[in-house]
Amino acid sequence: MSVPKSRILDLLKVQCRIFSTTFNPERLRTGNKILRQRLKGPAVASYYPRRPVTMRNLMKAYPDLETWDEEQEDRLEGLALKKQRGKGAPKKKRTVEESKKFASRKRKLAMAL
């Protein structure tokens, strides 16, 4: 005795309704296994400690307050001193012609050595 397919499908529908599962008679991959899992975001977020508040954060939060970032000022002062001694970052080339000039000078220097 074989049971008709429609009867089996009806039984599956009822079973899915009772146990709160999705009805998928074609057995397609729907991703329900992943969607049913608990979210991992809160667990991951609570694992890492909170970031400490920095002067930069305070300056962004309250732009109308007059604040002083000592670390940033020290950094800028150090860059100015390096630039005076000729140890700073080189100037950026703004046009294609300037970069071509630089490349040709570099080649000439390499040939001279």
PDB file of N, CA and C in Angstrom:
ATOM      1  N   MET A   1       0.828  -1.179   0.000  1.00  0.00           N
ATOM      2  CA  MET A   1       0.000   0.000   0.000  1.00  0.00           C
ATOM      3  C   MET A   1       0.878   1.250   0.000  1.00  0.00           C
ATOM      4  N   SER A   2       0.689   2.071  -0.982  1.00  0.00           N
ATOM      5  CA  SER A   2       1.440   3.318  -1.017  1.00  0.00           C
ATOM      6  C   SER A   2       0.505   4.482  -0.668  1.00  0.00           C
ATOM      7  N   VAL A   3       1.073   5.449  -0.025  1.00  0.00           N
ATOM      8  CA  VAL A   3       0.313   6.626   0.397  1.00  0.00           C
ATOM      9  C   VAL A   3       0.502   7.708  -0.666  1.00  0.00           C
ATOM     10  N   PRO A   4      -0.590   8.379  -1.075  1.00  0.00           N
ATOM     11  CA  PRO A   4      -0.434   9.427  -2.096  1.00  0.00           C
ATOM     12  C   PRO A   4       0.464  10.578  -1.591  1.00  0.00           C
ATOM     13  N   LYS A   5       1.174  11.185  -2.542  1.00  0.00           N
ATOM     14  CA  LYS A   5       2.129  12.241  -2.215  1.00  0.00           C
ATOM     15  C   LYS A   5       1.436  13.456  -1.603  1.00  0.00           C
ATOM     16  N   SER A   6       0.237  13.775  -2.065  1.00  0.00           N
ATOM     17  CA  SER A   6      -0.481  14.935  -1.525  1.00  0.00           C
ATOM     18  C   SER A   6      -0.790  14.746  -0.041  1.00  0.00           C
ATOM     19  N   ARG A   7      -1.075  13.500   0.351  1.00  0.00           N
ATOM     20  CA  ARG A   7      -1.365  13.202   1.756  1.00  0.00           C
ATOM     21  C   ARG A   7      -0.115  13.418   2.622  1.00  0.00           C
ATOM     22  N   ILE A   8       1.025  13.010   2.103  1.00  0.00           N
ATOM     23  CA  ILE A   8       2.287  13.185   2.826  1.00  0.00           C
ATOM     24  C   ILE A   8       2.616  14.682   2.959  1.00  0.00           C
ATOM     25  N   LEU A   9       2.385  15.438   1.880  1.00  0.00           N
ATOM     26  CA  LEU A   9       2.647  16.878   1.916  1.00  0.00           C
ATOM     27  C   LEU A   9       1.737  17.577   2.928  1.00  0.00           C
ATOM     28  N   ASP A  10       0.481  17.175   2.970  1.00  0.00           N
ATOM     29  CA  ASP A  10      -0.445  17.747   3.957  1.00  0.00           C
ATOM     30  C   ASP A  10       0.032  17.438   5.380  1.00  0.00           C
ATOM     31  N   LEU A  11       0.500  16.219   5.574  1.00  0.00           N
ATOM     32  CA  LEU A  11       1.009  15.830   6.893  1.00  0.00           C
ATOM     33  C   LEU A  11       2.247  16.657   7.262  1.00  0.00           C
ATOM     34  N   LEU A  12       3.123  16.911   6.288  1.00  0.00           N
ATOM     35  CA  LEU A  12       4.308  17.734   6.522  1.00  0.00           C
ATOM     36  C   LEU A  12       3.928  19.176   6.867  1.00  0.00           C
ATOM     37  N   LYS A  13       2.909  19.702   6.183  1.00  0.00           N
ATOM     38  CA  LYS A  13       2.450  21.067   6.468  1.00  0.00           C
ATOM     39  C   LYS A  13       1.975  21.180   7.913  1.00  0.00           C
ATOM     40  N   VAL A  14       1.167  20.210   8.333  1.00  0.00           N
ATOM     41  CA  VAL A  14       0.639  20.222   9.696  1.00  0.00           C
ATOM     42  C   VAL A  14       1.779  20.085  10.703  1.00  0.00           C
ATOM     43  N   GLN A  15       2.718  19.212  10.402  1.00  0.00           N
ATOM     44  CA  GLN A  15       3.865  19.001  11.287  1.00  0.00           C
ATOM     45  C   GLN A  15       4.666  20.303  11.429  1.00  0.00           C
ATOM     46  N   CYS A  16       4.874  21.000  10.322  1.00  0.00           N
ATOM     47  CA  CYS A  16       5.630  22.252  10.361  1.00  0.00           C
ATOM     48  C   CYS A  16       4.889  23.320  11.153  1.00  0.00           C
ATOM     49  N   ARG A  17       3.585  23.352  11.027  1.00  0.00           N
ATOM     50  CA  ARG A  17       2.785  24.316  11.778  1.00  0.00           C
ATOM     51  C   ARG A  17       2.864  24.031  13.280  1.00  0.00           C
ATOM     52  N   ILE A  18       2.818  22.767  13.657  1.00  0.00           N
ATOM     53  CA  ILE A  18       2.845  22.392  15.071  1.00  0.00           C
ATOM     54  C   ILE A  18       4.205  22.703  15.703  1.00  0.00           C
ATOM     55  N   PHE A  19       5.301  22.352  15.005  1.00  0.00           N
ATOM     56  CA  PHE A  19       6.630  22.498  15.576  1.00  0.00           C
ATOM     57  C   PHE A  19       7.330  23.804  15.185  1.00  0.00           C
ATOM     58  N   SER A  20       6.605  24.735  14.574  1.00  0.00           N
ATOM     59  CA  SER A  20       7.134  26.061  14.193  1.00  0.00           C
ATOM     60  C   SER A  20       8.380  25.965  13.326  1.00  0.00           C
ATOM     61  N   THR A  21       8.313  25.145  12.304  1.00  0.00           N
ATOM     62  CA  THR A  21       9.406  25.061  11.343  1.00  0.00           C
ATOM     63  C   THR A  21       8.886  25.495   9.984  1.00  0.00           C
ATOM     64  N   THR A  22       9.799  25.718   9.052  1.00  0.00           N
ATOM     65  CA  THR A  22       9.380  26.160   7.723  1.00  0.00           C
ATOM     66  C   THR A  22       9.057  24.961   6.852  1.00  0.00           C
ATOM     67  N   PHE A  23       8.039  25.131   6.051  1.00  0.00           N
ATOM     68  CA  PHE A  23       7.616  24.075   5.137  1.00  0.00           C
ATOM     69  C   PHE A  23       8.415  24.214   3.857  1.00  0.00           C
ATOM     70  N   ASN A  24       9.220  23.208   3.531  1.00  0.00           N
ATOM     71  CA  ASN A  24      10.090  23.251   2.357  1.00  0.00           C
ATOM     72  C   ASN A  24      10.068  21.882   1.681  1.00  0.00           C
ATOM     73  N   PRO A  25       9.011  21.573   0.928  1.00  0.00           N
ATOM     74  CA  PRO A  25       8.910  20.240   0.337  1.00  0.00           C
ATOM     75  C   PRO A  25       9.963  19.961  -0.744  1.00  0.00           C
ATOM     76  N   GLU A  26      10.470  21.000  -1.417  1.00  0.00           N
ATOM     77  CA  GLU A  26      11.485  20.774  -2.456  1.00  0.00           C
ATOM     78  C   GLU A  26      12.878  20.652  -1.852  1.00  0.00           C
ATOM     79  N   ARG A  27      13.001  20.866  -0.554  1.00  0.00           N
ATOM     80  CA  ARG A  27      14.261  20.805   0.177  1.00  0.00           C
ATOM     81  C   ARG A  27      15.315  21.728  -0.415  1.00  0.00           C
ATOM     82  N   LEU A  28      14.886  22.954  -0.694  1.00  0.00           N
ATOM     83  CA  LEU A  28      15.811  23.963  -1.193  1.00  0.00           C
ATOM     84  C   LEU A  28      16.637  24.517  -0.033  1.00  0.00           C
ATOM     85  N   ARG A  29      17.831  25.015  -0.354  1.00  0.00           N
ATOM     86  CA  ARG A  29      18.679  25.616   0.683  1.00  0.00           C
ATOM     87  C   ARG A  29      18.195  27.046   0.918  1.00  0.00           C
ATOM     88  N   THR A  30      17.616  27.277   2.085  1.00  0.00           N
ATOM     89  CA  THR A  30      17.040  28.591   2.369  1.00  0.00           C
ATOM     90  C   THR A  30      17.829  29.386   3.403  1.00  0.00           C
ATOM     91  N   GLY A  31      18.719  28.776   4.122  1.00  0.00           N
ATOM     92  CA  GLY A  31      19.497  29.479   5.133  1.00  0.00           C
ATOM     93  C   GLY A  31      18.791  29.586   6.468  1.00  0.00           C
ATOM     94  N   ASN A  32      17.720  28.854   6.666  1.00  0.00           N
ATOM     95  CA  ASN A  32      16.992  28.928   7.928  1.00  0.00           C
ATOM     96  C   ASN A  32      17.820  28.449   9.111  1.00  0.00           C
ATOM     97  N   LYS A  33      18.731  27.526   8.866  1.00  0.00           N
ATOM     98  CA  LYS A  33      19.577  27.022   9.950  1.00  0.00           C
ATOM     99  C   LYS A  33      20.396  28.163  10.551  1.00  0.00           C
ATOM    100  N   ILE A  34      20.930  29.000   9.703  1.00  0.00           N
ATOM    101  CA  ILE A  34      21.732  30.127  10.170  1.00  0.00           C
ATOM    102  C   ILE A  34      20.847  31.202  10.780  1.00  0.00           C
ATOM    103  N   LEU A  35      19.697  31.466  10.161  1.00  0.00           N
ATOM    104  CA  LEU A  35      18.805  32.522  10.643  1.00  0.00           C
ATOM    105  C   LEU A  35      18.190  32.191  12.001  1.00  0.00           C
ATOM    106  N   ARG A  36      18.078  30.913  12.332  1.00  0.00           N
ATOM    107  CA  ARG A  36      17.501  30.526  13.617  1.00  0.00           C
ATOM    108  C   ARG A  36      18.486  30.673  14.765  1.00  0.00           C
ATOM    109  N   GLN A  37      19.780  30.729  14.463  1.00  0.00           N
ATOM    110  CA  GLN A  37      20.787  30.812  15.511  1.00  0.00           C
ATOM    111  C   GLN A  37      20.729  32.161  16.218  1.00  0.00           C
ATOM    112  N   ARG A  38      21.225  32.167  17.463  1.00  0.00           N
ATOM    113  CA  ARG A  38      21.274  33.414  18.222  1.00  0.00           C
ATOM    114  C   ARG A  38      22.253  34.368  17.567  1.00  0.00           C
ATOM    115  N   LEU A  39      21.993  35.662  17.699  1.00  0.00           N
ATOM    116  CA  LEU A  39      22.892  36.658  17.130  1.00  0.00           C
ATOM    117  C   LEU A  39      24.191  36.707  17.929  1.00  0.00           C
ATOM    118  N   LYS A  40      25.305  36.856  17.214  1.00  0.00           N
ATOM    119  CA  LYS A  40      26.611  36.854  17.858  1.00  0.00           C
ATOM    120  C   LYS A  40      27.106  38.256  18.185  1.00  0.00           C
ATOM    121  N   GLY A  41      26.478  39.277  17.646  1.00  0.00           N
ATOM    122  CA  GLY A  41      26.937  40.657  17.821  1.00  0.00           C
ATOM    123  C   GLY A  41      27.089  41.089  19.256  1.00  0.00           C
ATOM    124  N   PRO A  42      26.054  40.929  20.097  1.00  0.00           N
ATOM    125  CA  PRO A  42      26.192  41.369  21.493  1.00  0.00           C
ATOM    126  C   PRO A  42      27.297  40.629  22.249  1.00  0.00           C
ATOM    127  N   ALA A  43      27.475  39.341  21.983  1.00  0.00           N
ATOM    128  CA  ALA A  43      28.516  38.575  22.673  1.00  0.00           C
ATOM    129  C   ALA A  43      29.902  39.058  22.257  1.00  0.00           C
ATOM    130  N   VAL A  44      30.085  39.320  20.979  1.00  0.00           N
ATOM    131  CA  VAL A  44      31.378  39.795  20.492  1.00  0.00           C
ATOM    132  C   VAL A  44      31.651  41.194  21.020  1.00  0.00           C
ATOM    133  N   ALA A  45      30.627  42.051  21.024  1.00  0.00           N
ATOM    134  CA  ALA A  45      30.801  43.421  21.497  1.00  0.00           C
ATOM    135  C   ALA A  45      31.139  43.461  22.982  1.00  0.00           C
ATOM    136  N   SER A  46      30.565  42.571  23.767  1.00  0.00           N
ATOM    137  CA  SER A  46      30.846  42.575  25.200  1.00  0.00           C
ATOM    138  C   SER A  46      32.204  41.950  25.516  1.00  0.00           C
ATOM    139  N   TYR A  47      32.798  41.222  24.585  1.00  0.00           N
ATOM    140  CA  TYR A  47      34.095  40.583  24.805  1.00  0.00           C
ATOM    141  C   TYR A  47      35.210  41.623  24.881  1.00  0.00           C
ATOM    142  N   TYR A  48      35.165  42.606  23.962  1.00  0.00           N
ATOM    143  CA  TYR A  48      36.206  43.613  23.910  1.00  0.00           C
ATOM    144  C   TYR A  48      35.908  44.742  24.895  1.00  0.00           C
ATOM    145  N   PRO A  49      36.939  45.267  25.563  1.00  0.00           N
ATOM    146  CA  PRO A  49      36.693  46.373  26.500  1.00  0.00           C
ATOM    147  C   PRO A  49      36.324  47.651  25.742  1.00  0.00           C
ATOM    148  N   ARG A  50      35.649  48.556  26.436  1.00  0.00           N
ATOM    149  CA  ARG A  50      35.273  49.823  25.810  1.00  0.00           C
ATOM    150  C   ARG A  50      36.513  50.659  25.556  1.00  0.00           C
ATOM    151  N   ARG A  51      36.444  51.484  24.517  1.00  0.00           N
ATOM    152  CA  ARG A  51      37.569  52.359  24.204  1.00  0.00           C
ATOM    153  C   ARG A  51      37.627  53.493  25.217  1.00  0.00           C
ATOM    154  N   PRO A  52      38.836  53.860  25.624  1.00  0.00           N
ATOM    155  CA  PRO A  52      38.931  54.997  26.550  1.00  0.00           C
ATOM    156  C   PRO A  52      38.632  56.301  25.808  1.00  0.00           C
ATOM    157  N   VAL A  53      38.158  57.278  26.529  1.00  0.00           N
ATOM    158  CA  VAL A  53      37.829  58.570  25.933  1.00  0.00           C
ATOM    159  C   VAL A  53      39.120  59.339  25.701  1.00  0.00           C
ATOM    160  N   THR A  54      39.278  59.884  24.503  1.00  0.00           N
ATOM    161  CA  THR A  54      40.469  60.663  24.178  1.00  0.00           C
ATOM    162  C   THR A  54      40.080  62.115  23.960  1.00  0.00           C
ATOM    163  N   MET A  55      41.072  62.960  23.895  1.00  0.00           N
ATOM    164  CA  MET A  55      40.820  64.388  23.660  1.00  0.00           C
ATOM    165  C   MET A  55      40.183  64.586  22.286  1.00  0.00           C
ATOM    166  N   ARG A  56      40.599  63.784  21.322  1.00  0.00           N
ATOM    167  CA  ARG A  56      40.036  63.915  19.980  1.00  0.00           C
ATOM    168  C   ARG A  56      38.533  63.638  19.996  1.00  0.00           C
ATOM    169  N   ASN A  57      38.108  62.609  20.771  1.00  0.00           N
ATOM    170  CA  ASN A  57      36.676  62.311  20.880  1.00  0.00           C
ATOM    171  C   ASN A  57      35.924  63.460  21.528  1.00  0.00           C
ATOM    172  N   LEU A  58      36.507  64.037  22.588  1.00  0.00           N
ATOM    173  CA  LEU A  58      35.859  65.167  23.258  1.00  0.00           C
ATOM    174  C   LEU A  58      35.760  66.379  22.344  1.00  0.00           C
ATOM    175  N   MET A  59      36.802  66.605  21.560  1.00  0.00           N
ATOM    176  CA  MET A  59      36.793  67.753  20.647  1.00  0.00           C
ATOM    177  C   MET A  59      35.727  67.586  19.568  1.00  0.00           C
ATOM    178  N   LYS A  60      35.541  66.346  19.102  1.00  0.00           N
ATOM    179  CA  LYS A  60      34.498  66.093  18.105  1.00  0.00           C
ATOM    180  C   LYS A  60      33.108  66.226  18.706  1.00  0.00           C
ATOM    181  N   ALA A  61      32.955  65.749  19.943  1.00  0.00           N
ATOM    182  CA  ALA A  61      31.645  65.784  20.594  1.00  0.00           C
ATOM    183  C   ALA A  61      31.227  67.203  20.950  1.00  0.00           C
ATOM    184  N   TYR A  62      32.190  68.030  21.383  1.00  0.00           N
ATOM    185  CA  TYR A  62      31.896  69.396  21.811  1.00  0.00           C
ATOM    186  C   TYR A  62      32.770  70.384  21.047  1.00  0.00           C
ATOM    187  N   PRO A  63      32.423  70.686  19.791  1.00  0.00           N
ATOM    188  CA  PRO A  63      33.279  71.579  18.999  1.00  0.00           C
ATOM    189  C   PRO A  63      33.275  73.029  19.505  1.00  0.00           C
ATOM    190  N   ASP A  64      32.243  73.423  20.245  1.00  0.00           N
ATOM    191  CA  ASP A  64      32.174  74.805  20.707  1.00  0.00           C
ATOM    192  C   ASP A  64      33.081  75.056  21.911  1.00  0.00           C
ATOM    193  N   LEU A  65      33.523  74.003  22.610  1.00  0.00           N
ATOM    194  CA  LEU A  65      34.432  74.169  23.743  1.00  0.00           C
ATOM    195  C   LEU A  65      35.858  74.392  23.254  1.00  0.00           C
ATOM    196  N   GLU A  66      36.586  75.225  23.965  1.00  0.00           N
ATOM    197  CA  GLU A  66      37.980  75.462  23.617  1.00  0.00           C
ATOM    198  C   GLU A  66      38.827  74.424  24.352  1.00  0.00           C
ATOM    199  N   THR A  67      39.360  73.459  23.616  1.00  0.00           N
ATOM    200  CA  THR A  67      40.119  72.372  24.224  1.00  0.00           C
ATOM    201  C   THR A  67      41.548  72.382  23.703  1.00  0.00           C
ATOM    202  N   TRP A  68      42.413  71.676  24.398  1.00  0.00           N
ATOM    203  CA  TRP A  68      43.835  71.639  24.074  1.00  0.00           C
ATOM    204  C   TRP A  68      44.290  70.187  24.051  1.00  0.00           C
ATOM    205  N   ASP A  69      44.702  69.716  22.885  1.00  0.00           N
ATOM    206  CA  ASP A  69      45.199  68.340  22.756  1.00  0.00           C
ATOM    207  C   ASP A  69      46.724  68.388  22.786  1.00  0.00           C
ATOM    208  N   GLU A  70      47.282  68.057  23.938  1.00  0.00           N
ATOM    209  CA  GLU A  70      48.721  68.194  24.132  1.00  0.00           C
ATOM    210  C   GLU A  70      49.505  67.232  23.241  1.00  0.00           C
ATOM    211  N   GLU A  71      49.026  66.016  23.076  1.00  0.00           N
ATOM    212  CA  GLU A  71      49.728  65.043  22.229  1.00  0.00           C
ATOM    213  C   GLU A  71      49.798  65.517  20.784  1.00  0.00           C
ATOM    214  N   GLN A  72      48.692  66.056  20.289  1.00  0.00           N
ATOM    215  CA  GLN A  72      48.647  66.544  18.902  1.00  0.00           C
ATOM    216  C   GLN A  72      49.589  67.736  18.740  1.00  0.00           C
ATOM    217  N   GLU A  73      49.605  68.630  19.724  1.00  0.00           N
ATOM    218  CA  GLU A  73      50.488  69.790  19.652  1.00  0.00           C
ATOM    219  C   GLU A  73      51.954  69.357  19.670  1.00  0.00           C
ATOM    220  N   ASP A  74      52.292  68.375  20.502  1.00  0.00           N
ATOM    221  CA  ASP A  74      53.659  67.853  20.540  1.00  0.00           C
ATOM    222  C   ASP A  74      54.037  67.239  19.199  1.00  0.00           C
ATOM    223  N   ARG A  75      53.118  66.512  18.610  1.00  0.00           N
ATOM    224  CA  ARG A  75      53.380  65.877  17.311  1.00  0.00           C
ATOM    225  C   ARG A  75      53.637  66.934  16.237  1.00  0.00           C
ATOM    226  N   LEU A  76      52.775  67.974  16.191  1.00  0.00           N
ATOM    227  CA  LEU A  76      52.939  69.030  15.186  1.00  0.00           C
ATOM    228  C   LEU A  76      54.244  69.797  15.404  1.00  0.00           C
ATOM    229  N   GLU A  77      54.611  70.022  16.671  1.00  0.00           N
ATOM    230  CA  GLU A  77      55.857  70.714  16.977  1.00  0.00           C
ATOM    231  C   GLU A  77      57.061  69.890  16.510  1.00  0.00           C
ATOM    232  N   GLY A  78      57.010  68.589  16.734  1.00  0.00           N
ATOM    233  CA  GLY A  78      58.081  67.708  16.282  1.00  0.00           C
ATOM    234  C   GLY A  78      58.208  67.705  14.766  1.00  0.00           C
ATOM    235  N   LEU A  79      57.070  67.715  14.061  1.00  0.00           N
ATOM    236  CA  LEU A  79      57.108  67.762  12.600  1.00  0.00           C
ATOM    237  C   LEU A  79      57.721  69.063  12.113  1.00  0.00           C
ATOM    238  N   ALA A  80      57.388  70.177  12.786  1.00  0.00           N
ATOM    239  CA  ALA A  80      57.945  71.474  12.386  1.00  0.00           C
ATOM    240  C   ALA A  80      59.461  71.482  12.583  1.00  0.00           C
ATOM    241  N   LEU A  81      59.935  70.908  13.684  1.00  0.00           N
ATOM    242  CA  LEU A  81      61.377  70.845  13.925  1.00  0.00           C
ATOM    243  C   LEU A  81      62.080  69.988  12.877  1.00  0.00           C
ATOM    244  N   LYS A  82      61.477  68.860  12.533  1.00  0.00           N
ATOM    245  CA  LYS A  82      62.069  68.002  11.501  1.00  0.00           C
ATOM    246  C   LYS A  82      62.133  68.713  10.161  1.00  0.00           C
ATOM    247  N   LYS A  83      61.076  69.452   9.848  1.00  0.00           N
ATOM    248  CA  LYS A  83      61.022  70.166   8.573  1.00  0.00           C
ATOM    249  C   LYS A  83      62.107  71.241   8.518  1.00  0.00           C
ATOM    250  N   GLN A  84      62.378  71.916   9.644  1.00  0.00           N
ATOM    251  CA  GLN A  84      63.426  72.934   9.692  1.00  0.00           C
ATOM    252  C   GLN A  84      64.801  72.327   9.440  1.00  0.00           C
ATOM    253  N   ARG A  85      65.007  71.103   9.937  1.00  0.00           N
ATOM    254  CA  ARG A  85      66.297  70.429   9.751  1.00  0.00           C
ATOM    255  C   ARG A  85      66.402  69.743   8.398  1.00  0.00           C
ATOM    256  N   GLY A  86      65.292  69.736   7.633  1.00  0.00           N
ATOM    257  CA  GLY A  86      65.302  69.094   6.328  1.00  0.00           C
ATOM    258  C   GLY A  86      65.012  67.604   6.395  1.00  0.00           C
ATOM    259  N   LYS A  87      64.455  67.140   7.498  1.00  0.00           N
ATOM    260  CA  LYS A  87      64.167  65.720   7.683  1.00  0.00           C
ATOM    261  C   LYS A  87      62.674  65.406   7.542  1.00  0.00           C
ATOM    262  N   GLY A  88      61.881  66.389   7.165  1.00  0.00           N
ATOM    263  CA  GLY A  88      60.435  66.191   7.075  1.00  0.00           C
ATOM    264  C   GLY A  88      60.031  65.433   5.824  1.00  0.00           C
ATOM    265  N   ALA A  89      58.736  65.226   5.678  1.00  0.00           N
ATOM    266  CA  ALA A  89      58.205  64.531   4.511  1.00  0.00           C
ATOM    267  C   ALA A  89      58.388  65.400   3.278  1.00  0.00           C
ATOM    268  N   PRO A  90      58.653  64.803   2.120  1.00  0.00           N
ATOM    269  CA  PRO A  90      58.814  65.597   0.900  1.00  0.00           C
ATOM    270  C   PRO A  90      57.478  66.168   0.439  1.00  0.00           C
ATOM    271  N   LYS A  91      57.575  67.245  -0.346  1.00  0.00           N
ATOM    272  CA  LYS A  91      56.353  67.854  -0.865  1.00  0.00           C
ATOM    273  C   LYS A  91      55.738  66.937  -1.912  1.00  0.00           C
ATOM    274  N   LYS A  92      54.433  66.942  -1.973  1.00  0.00           N
ATOM    275  CA  LYS A  92      53.740  66.123  -2.965  1.00  0.00           C
ATOM    276  C   LYS A  92      53.731  66.839  -4.299  1.00  0.00           C
ATOM    277  N   LYS A  93      53.863  66.086  -5.366  1.00  0.00           N
ATOM    278  CA  LYS A  93      53.800  66.651  -6.707  1.00  0.00           C
ATOM    279  C   LYS A  93      52.338  66.866  -7.068  1.00  0.00           C
ATOM    280  N   ARG A  94      52.023  68.054  -7.558  1.00  0.00           N
ATOM    281  CA  ARG A  94      50.625  68.377  -7.842  1.00  0.00           C
ATOM    282  C   ARG A  94      50.241  68.085  -9.284  1.00  0.00           C
ATOM    283  N   THR A  95      51.190  68.160 -10.212  1.00  0.00           N
ATOM    284  CA  THR A  95      50.871  67.942 -11.616  1.00  0.00           C
ATOM    285  C   THR A  95      51.720  66.807 -12.168  1.00  0.00           C
ATOM    286  N   VAL A  96      51.345  66.356 -13.346  1.00  0.00           N
ATOM    287  CA  VAL A  96      52.077  65.285 -14.014  1.00  0.00           C
ATOM    288  C   VAL A  96      53.455  65.786 -14.427  1.00  0.00           C
ATOM    289  N   GLU A  97      53.528  67.058 -14.858  1.00  0.00           N
ATOM    290  CA  GLU A  97      54.799  67.611 -15.312  1.00  0.00           C
ATOM    291  C   GLU A  97      55.829  67.645 -14.186  1.00  0.00           C
ATOM    292  N   GLU A  98      55.392  68.020 -12.999  1.00  0.00           N
ATOM    293  CA  GLU A  98      56.315  68.058 -11.863  1.00  0.00           C
ATOM    294  C   GLU A  98      56.860  66.669 -11.562  1.00  0.00           C
ATOM    295  N   SER A  99      56.000  65.667 -11.615  1.00  0.00           N
ATOM    296  CA  SER A  99      56.466  64.317 -11.319  1.00  0.00           C
ATOM    297  C   SER A  99      57.400  63.814 -12.419  1.00  0.00           C
ATOM    298  N   LYS A 100      57.198  64.240 -13.675  1.00  0.00           N
ATOM    299  CA  LYS A 100      58.110  63.850 -14.756  1.00  0.00           C
ATOM    300  C   LYS A 100      59.474  64.493 -14.555  1.00  0.00           C
ATOM    301  N   LYS A 101      59.470  65.773 -14.114  1.00  0.00           N
ATOM    302  CA  LYS A 101      60.737  66.458 -13.844  1.00  0.00           C
ATOM    303  C   LYS A 101      61.514  65.714 -12.770  1.00  0.00           C
ATOM    304  N   PHE A 102      60.811  65.313 -11.729  1.00  0.00           N
ATOM    305  CA  PHE A 102      61.451  64.616 -10.618  1.00  0.00           C
ATOM    306  C   PHE A 102      62.030  63.288 -11.086  1.00  0.00           C
ATOM    307  N   ALA A 103      61.299  62.587 -11.930  1.00  0.00           N
ATOM    308  CA  ALA A 103      61.767  61.287 -12.427  1.00  0.00           C
ATOM    309  C   ALA A 103      63.012  61.454 -13.285  1.00  0.00           C
ATOM    310  N   SER A 104      63.040  62.499 -14.128  1.00  0.00           N
ATOM    311  CA  SER A 104      64.212  62.684 -14.987  1.00  0.00           C
ATOM    312  C   SER A 104      65.436  63.079 -14.147  1.00  0.00           C
ATOM    313  N   ARG A 105      65.240  63.887 -13.091  1.00  0.00           N
ATOM    314  CA  ARG A 105      66.354  64.243 -12.206  1.00  0.00           C
ATOM    315  C   ARG A 105      66.883  62.999 -11.486  1.00  0.00           C
ATOM    316  N   LYS A 106      65.974  62.141 -11.097  1.00  0.00           N
ATOM    317  CA  LYS A 106      66.359  60.931 -10.389  1.00  0.00           C
ATOM    318  C   LYS A 106      67.209  60.033 -11.296  1.00  0.00           C
ATOM    319  N   ARG A 107      66.806  59.937 -12.572  1.00  0.00           N
ATOM    320  CA  ARG A 107      67.567  59.133 -13.536  1.00  0.00           C
ATOM    321  C   ARG A 107      68.965  59.704 -13.743  1.00  0.00           C
ATOM    322  N   LYS A 108      69.038  61.043 -13.855  1.00  0.00           N
ATOM    323  CA  LYS A 108      70.341  61.697 -14.065  1.00  0.00           C
ATOM    324  C   LYS A 108      71.267  61.438 -12.882  1.00  0.00           C
ATOM    325  N   LEU A 109      70.713  61.515 -11.659  1.00  0.00           N
ATOM    326  CA  LEU A 109      71.521  61.269 -10.481  1.00  0.00           C
ATOM    327  C   LEU A 109      72.007  59.820 -10.446  1.00  0.00           C
ATOM    328  N   ALA A 110      71.159  58.902 -10.840  1.00  0.00           N
ATOM    329  CA  ALA A 110      71.539  57.493 -10.835  1.00  0.00           C
ATOM    330  C   ALA A 110      72.640  57.230 -11.863  1.00  0.00           C
ATOM    331  N   MET A 111      72.567  57.880 -13.002  1.00  0.00           N
ATOM    332  CA  MET A 111      73.601  57.702 -14.034  1.00  0.00           C
ATOM    333  C   MET A 111      74.941  58.300 -13.599  1.00  0.00           C
ATOM    334  N   ALA A 112      74.878  59.395 -12.841  1.00  0.00           N
ATOM    335  CA  ALA A 112      76.105  60.062 -12.392  1.00  0.00           C
ATOM    336  C   ALA A 112      76.839  59.190 -11.374  1.00  0.00           C
ATOM    337  N   LEU A 113      76.117  58.414 -10.610  1.00  0.00           N
ATOM    338  CA  LEU A 113      76.762  57.565  -9.598  1.00  0.00           C
ATOM    339  C   LEU A 113      77.314  56.371 -10.266  1.00  0.00           C
TER     340      LEU A 113
END
